[in-house]
Structures are given as structure tokens and as C-alpha cells.
Amino acid sequence: MMGQELFNTFILILLVVAALSALRIRDLLSSAVVFGVYSFLMCLLWAEMGAVDVAFTEATVGAGVSTVVFVATIFNLKRKSSD
């Protein structure tokens, strides 16, 4: 029981770090990748809590499809300035 609470606490700390990092990073591609990591950590947390269907949905939509769409959009952007 204590190991499970320690794992949950560790995942929650990583979630907060990933969320703050995604907000603070100025590079769009890096931010999209960190957002994918955040979604994967949420998937782990849902699976650990026993909500396997929600974890599977989070993994496919959150960590998978959304990250691919973000990266594809970033590569298709036209930059007006080089700053």
C-alpha cells in the first residue's frame, strides 16, 4: 500500500513539472513534446487508479493523436520573423 501511494505521489509531481514546463518552454516543438509526456503520465495515473478504459483513451487521443497533430501543425507554420 505504501509503495502505491509513493508511486502516485511521484507521478503527480512529474505531472506538475511537465505542465509547468509545457507552459514555460518558448520553443513550440519542445512544448508539444512535453505536452505529450504530460498526457502519457496522465495515462499512467489513470491505469494505476484502475480506470483502464480512460487510460487507453488518454494514451491514444492525448499522447498519440494530439501530439501528432500539434507537431504537424508546427511544421506547417510559416514564421514571419526570426526572433
C-alpha atoms as a PDB file:
ATOM      1  CA  MET A   1       0.000   0.000   0.000  1.00  0.00           C
ATOM      2  CA  MET A   2       2.809   2.432   0.837  1.00  0.00           C
ATOM      3  CA  GLY A   3       4.564   1.746  -2.492  1.00  0.00           C
ATOM      4  CA  GLN A   4       1.376   2.553  -4.367  1.00  0.00           C
ATOM      5  CA  GLU A   5       0.998   5.916  -2.618  1.00  0.00           C
ATOM      6  CA  LEU A   6       4.658   6.689  -3.277  1.00  0.00           C
ATOM      7  CA  PHE A   7       4.180   5.903  -6.981  1.00  0.00           C
ATOM      8  CA  ASN A   8       1.070   8.115  -7.150  1.00  0.00           C
ATOM      9  CA  THR A   9       2.926  10.979  -5.471  1.00  0.00           C
ATOM     10  CA  PHE A  10       5.874  10.594  -7.833  1.00  0.00           C
ATOM     11  CA  ILE A  11       3.598  10.634 -10.906  1.00  0.00           C
ATOM     12  CA  LEU A  12       1.715  13.684  -9.589  1.00  0.00           C
ATOM     13  CA  ILE A  13       4.972  15.574  -9.033  1.00  0.00           C
ATOM     14  CA  LEU A  14       6.074  14.705 -12.567  1.00  0.00           C
ATOM     15  CA  LEU A  15       2.687  15.863 -13.870  1.00  0.00           C
ATOM     16  CA  VAL A  16       3.082  19.271 -12.246  1.00  0.00           C
ATOM     17  CA  VAL A  17       6.641  19.593 -13.579  1.00  0.00           C
ATOM     18  CA  ALA A  18       5.535  18.616 -17.094  1.00  0.00           C
ATOM     19  CA  ALA A  19       2.592  21.041 -17.019  1.00  0.00           C
ATOM     20  CA  LEU A  20       4.720  23.956 -15.850  1.00  0.00           C
ATOM     21  CA  SER A  21       7.440  23.072 -18.349  1.00  0.00           C
ATOM     22  CA  ALA A  22       4.962  22.984 -21.239  1.00  0.00           C
ATOM     23  CA  LEU A  23       3.823  26.472 -20.266  1.00  0.00           C
ATOM     24  CA  ARG A  24       7.318  27.917 -19.771  1.00  0.00           C
ATOM     25  CA  ILE A  25       9.113  26.490 -22.823  1.00  0.00           C
ATOM     26  CA  ARG A  26       9.271  29.029 -25.641  1.00  0.00           C
ATOM     27  CA  ASP A  27      10.008  26.534 -28.441  1.00  0.00           C
ATOM     28  CA  LEU A  28       6.711  25.239 -29.837  1.00  0.00           C
ATOM     29  CA  LEU A  29       8.020  21.814 -30.842  1.00  0.00           C
ATOM     30  CA  SER A  30       9.552  21.168 -27.422  1.00  0.00           C
ATOM     31  CA  SER A  31       6.365  22.329 -25.756  1.00  0.00           C
ATOM     32  CA  ALA A  32       4.292  19.912 -27.876  1.00  0.00           C
ATOM     33  CA  VAL A  33       6.587  17.038 -26.905  1.00  0.00           C
ATOM     34  CA  VAL A  34       6.342  17.935 -23.208  1.00  0.00           C
ATOM     35  CA  PHE A  35       2.558  18.047 -23.592  1.00  0.00           C
ATOM     36  CA  GLY A  36       2.740  14.510 -24.987  1.00  0.00           C
ATOM     37  CA  VAL A  37       4.760  13.465 -21.937  1.00  0.00           C
ATOM     38  CA  TYR A  38       2.109  15.046 -19.722  1.00  0.00           C
ATOM     39  CA  SER A  39      -0.612  13.035 -21.465  1.00  0.00           C
ATOM     40  CA  PHE A  40       1.409   9.840 -21.101  1.00  0.00           C
ATOM     41  CA  LEU A  41       1.865  10.497 -17.370  1.00  0.00           C
ATOM     42  CA  MET A  42      -1.890  11.016 -17.069  1.00  0.00           C
ATOM     43  CA  CYS A  43      -2.341   7.685 -18.834  1.00  0.00           C
ATOM     44  CA  LEU A  44      -0.116   6.006 -16.232  1.00  0.00           C
ATOM     45  CA  LEU A  45      -2.047   7.623 -13.411  1.00  0.00           C
ATOM     46  CA  TRP A  46      -5.438   6.558 -14.816  1.00  0.00           C
ATOM     47  CA  ALA A  47      -4.202   2.996 -15.323  1.00  0.00           C
ATOM     48  CA  GLU A  48      -2.808   2.844 -11.799  1.00  0.00           C
ATOM     49  CA  MET A  49      -6.151   4.009 -10.398  1.00  0.00           C
ATOM     50  CA  GLY A  50      -7.907   1.185 -12.234  1.00  0.00           C
ATOM     51  CA  ALA A  51      -9.602   3.193 -14.967  1.00  0.00           C
ATOM     52  CA  VAL A  52      -8.084   1.233 -17.835  1.00  0.00           C
ATOM     53  CA  ASP A  53     -10.595   2.451 -20.430  1.00  0.00           C
ATOM     54  CA  VAL A  54      -9.872   6.079 -19.577  1.00  0.00           C
ATOM     55  CA  ALA A  55      -6.125   5.344 -19.606  1.00  0.00           C
ATOM     56  CA  PHE A  56      -6.380   3.786 -23.057  1.00  0.00           C
ATOM     57  CA  THR A  57      -8.339   6.764 -24.371  1.00  0.00           C
ATOM     58  CA  GLU A  58      -5.812   9.184 -22.851  1.00  0.00           C
ATOM     59  CA  ALA A  59      -2.952   7.263 -24.440  1.00  0.00           C
ATOM     60  CA  THR A  60      -4.470   7.207 -27.915  1.00  0.00           C
ATOM     61  CA  VAL A  61      -6.032  10.662 -28.044  1.00  0.00           C
ATOM     62  CA  GLY A  62      -3.920  12.663 -25.594  1.00  0.00           C
ATOM     63  CA  ALA A  63      -0.433  11.257 -26.046  1.00  0.00           C
ATOM     64  CA  GLY A  64      -0.894   9.959 -29.571  1.00  0.00           C
ATOM     65  CA  VAL A  65      -3.206  11.868 -31.877  1.00  0.00           C
ATOM     66  CA  SER A  66      -2.971  15.304 -30.212  1.00  0.00           C
ATOM     67  CA  THR A  67       0.824  15.271 -30.165  1.00  0.00           C
ATOM     68  CA  VAL A  68       0.985  14.256 -33.830  1.00  0.00           C
ATOM     69  CA  VAL A  69      -1.494  17.000 -34.774  1.00  0.00           C
ATOM     70  CA  PHE A  70       0.468  19.608 -32.777  1.00  0.00           C
ATOM     71  CA  VAL A  71       3.785  18.610 -34.373  1.00  0.00           C
ATOM     72  CA  ALA A  72       2.272  18.541 -37.876  1.00  0.00           C
ATOM     73  CA  THR A  73       0.754  21.972 -37.321  1.00  0.00           C
ATOM     74  CA  ILE A  74       4.048  23.383 -36.065  1.00  0.00           C
ATOM     75  CA  PHE A  75       5.886  22.084 -39.125  1.00  0.00           C
ATOM     76  CA  ASN A  76       3.285  23.687 -41.402  1.00  0.00           C
ATOM     77  CA  LEU A  77       3.501  27.139 -39.771  1.00  0.00           C
ATOM     78  CA  LYS A  78       5.079  29.980 -41.691  1.00  0.00           C
ATOM     79  CA  ARG A  79       7.181  32.271 -39.496  1.00  0.00           C
ATOM     80  CA  LYS A  80       7.103  35.981 -40.301  1.00  0.00           C
ATOM     81  CA  SER A  81      10.086  36.906 -38.150  1.00  0.00           C
ATOM     82  CA  SER A  82      13.176  35.079 -36.970  1.00  0.00           C
ATOM     83  CA  ASP A  83      13.026  36.064 -33.282  1.00  0.00           C
END
